[in-house]
Amino acid sequence: MNPRESLFYEKKQELAGNNKPDQEAQRFEKLFKKFLEKQKKERSSLSKQDFLINFLEHFCVKNRIPFRNLMDHLERTLLVRILSEMNGNQKVTSQVLGIKHSTLNEKIKRHGIQFKKNSL
């Protein structure tokens, strides 16, 4: 894990209110690393569509992760990452994502995301 990924992972856990990552998140992290390593080894210039198909095949078919679980994990990860970069500002985050503030708030509650705003 490179320093940026490590920092992001720690920040993600801090923002999510978890000091100890859960087993499912660890499993996704391992599988994602394996997937990226495989893609780097192949060094092929895949189209975005082929990359996505390979990604879904790796997780859903080869590793038998239900599609809904994968999408929930990706959504949660994306929310935590963008909230982190926006310093917890939900209004700006909702604008960046192109969704209503109320929709973002529902997603934060559904995923159990907790965060602290840092003073500037």
Protein backbone atom coordinates (compact mmCIF):
# COMPACT_ATOMS: atom_id res chain seq x y z
CA MET A 1 0.00 0.00 0.00
CA ASN A 2 1.51 3.29 -1.02
CA PRO A 3 1.59 6.20 1.49
CA ARG A 4 -1.38 7.96 -0.14
CA GLU A 5 -3.51 4.79 -0.02
CA SER A 6 -2.44 4.20 3.58
CA LEU A 7 -3.28 7.77 4.58
CA PHE A 8 -6.62 7.54 2.81
CA TYR A 9 -7.42 4.22 4.51
CA GLU A 10 -6.60 5.66 7.96
CA LYS A 11 -8.62 8.80 7.23
CA LYS A 12 -11.50 6.67 5.96
CA GLN A 13 -11.53 4.68 9.19
CA GLU A 14 -11.31 7.84 11.31
CA LEU A 15 -14.18 9.50 9.46
CA ALA A 16 -16.28 6.37 9.61
CA GLY A 17 -15.89 6.36 13.40
CA ASN A 18 -14.06 3.03 13.31
CA ASN A 19 -10.58 2.70 14.70
CA LYS A 20 -10.58 -0.97 13.79
CA PRO A 21 -11.58 -1.83 10.21
CA ASP A 22 -14.25 -4.49 9.88
CA GLN A 23 -13.54 -7.81 8.21
CA GLU A 24 -15.60 -7.08 5.10
CA ALA A 25 -13.71 -3.83 4.44
CA GLN A 26 -10.41 -5.68 4.85
CA ARG A 27 -11.58 -8.35 2.42
CA PHE A 28 -12.54 -5.73 -0.17
CA GLU A 29 -9.19 -3.99 0.27
CA LYS A 30 -7.28 -7.26 -0.31
CA LEU A 31 -9.35 -8.19 -3.33
CA PHE A 32 -8.99 -4.71 -4.79
CA LYS A 33 -5.20 -4.84 -4.40
CA LYS A 34 -5.15 -8.22 -6.14
CA PHE A 35 -7.27 -6.83 -8.95
CA LEU A 36 -5.00 -3.80 -9.44
CA GLU A 37 -1.87 -5.96 -9.39
CA LYS A 38 -3.38 -8.20 -12.06
CA GLN A 39 -4.29 -5.18 -14.20
CA LYS A 40 -0.75 -3.76 -13.85
CA LYS A 41 0.81 -7.09 -14.87
CA GLU A 42 -1.34 -7.29 -17.98
CA ARG A 43 -0.42 -3.69 -18.88
CA SER A 44 -3.10 -3.64 -21.50
CA SER A 45 -4.84 -0.45 -22.46
CA LEU A 46 -8.40 -1.47 -21.70
CA SER A 47 -11.39 0.63 -22.53
CA LYS A 48 -13.34 1.91 -19.55
CA GLN A 49 -16.07 -0.59 -20.35
CA ASP A 50 -13.65 -3.56 -20.43
CA PHE A 51 -12.01 -2.39 -17.21
CA LEU A 52 -15.41 -2.25 -15.50
CA ILE A 53 -16.37 -5.69 -16.81
CA ASN A 54 -13.07 -7.13 -15.52
CA PHE A 55 -13.62 -5.39 -12.19
CA LEU A 56 -17.12 -6.83 -11.77
CA GLU A 57 -15.99 -10.26 -12.92
CA HIS A 58 -13.12 -10.25 -10.42
CA PHE A 59 -15.36 -9.39 -7.47
CA CYS A 60 -18.76 -10.87 -8.30
CA VAL A 61 -17.87 -13.97 -10.31
CA LYS A 62 -14.42 -15.10 -9.17
CA ASN A 63 -14.73 -14.05 -5.52
CA ARG A 64 -18.50 -14.52 -5.19
CA ILE A 65 -19.27 -11.14 -3.70
CA PRO A 66 -22.91 -10.18 -4.25
CA PHE A 67 -23.24 -7.21 -6.61
CA ARG A 68 -25.33 -5.26 -4.08
CA ASN A 69 -22.61 -5.66 -1.40
CA LEU A 70 -19.97 -4.48 -3.85
CA MET A 71 -22.00 -1.42 -4.84
CA ASP A 72 -22.71 -0.58 -1.18
CA HIS A 73 -19.01 -0.81 -0.36
CA LEU A 74 -18.03 1.35 -3.33
CA GLU A 75 -20.69 3.93 -2.49
CA ARG A 76 -19.58 4.11 1.14
CA THR A 77 -15.92 4.40 0.16
CA LEU A 78 -16.68 7.17 -2.32
CA LEU A 79 -18.79 9.09 0.21
CA VAL A 80 -16.11 8.88 2.89
CA ARG A 81 -13.41 9.94 0.44
CA ILE A 82 -15.26 12.96 -0.90
CA LEU A 83 -16.51 14.02 2.55
CA SER A 84 -12.91 13.80 3.72
CA GLU A 85 -11.66 15.98 0.89
CA MET A 86 -14.47 18.48 1.49
CA ASN A 87 -13.66 18.62 5.22
CA GLY A 88 -17.03 17.09 6.12
CA ASN A 89 -19.02 19.80 4.33
CA GLN A 90 -22.17 18.01 3.20
CA LYS A 91 -23.47 20.87 1.08
CA VAL A 92 -20.32 21.00 -1.05
CA THR A 93 -20.10 17.19 -1.14
CA SER A 94 -23.66 16.91 -2.45
CA GLN A 95 -22.83 19.48 -5.15
CA VAL A 96 -19.69 17.56 -6.17
CA LEU A 97 -21.69 14.33 -6.39
CA GLY A 98 -24.58 16.01 -8.20
CA ILE A 99 -27.18 14.82 -5.71
CA LYS A 100 -29.57 16.58 -3.35
CA HIS A 101 -28.34 17.37 0.15
CA SER A 102 -31.19 15.27 1.58
CA THR A 103 -30.13 12.29 -0.56
CA LEU A 104 -26.55 12.60 0.69
CA ASN A 105 -27.79 12.79 4.26
CA GLU A 106 -29.85 9.60 3.76
CA LYS A 107 -26.81 7.80 2.33
CA ILE A 108 -24.62 8.93 5.24
CA LYS A 109 -27.17 7.59 7.71
CA ARG A 110 -27.67 4.33 5.77
CA HIS A 111 -23.92 3.65 5.71
CA GLY A 112 -23.41 4.73 9.33
CA ILE A 113 -20.79 7.30 8.38
CA GLN A 114 -19.70 9.59 11.19
CA PHE A 115 -17.17 12.36 10.79
CA LYS A 116 -15.80 15.40 12.49
CA LYS A 117 -15.33 18.71 10.78
CA ASN A 118 -11.81 20.04 11.20
CA SER A 119 -11.51 23.72 11.98
CA LEU A 120 -9.70 25.68 9.33
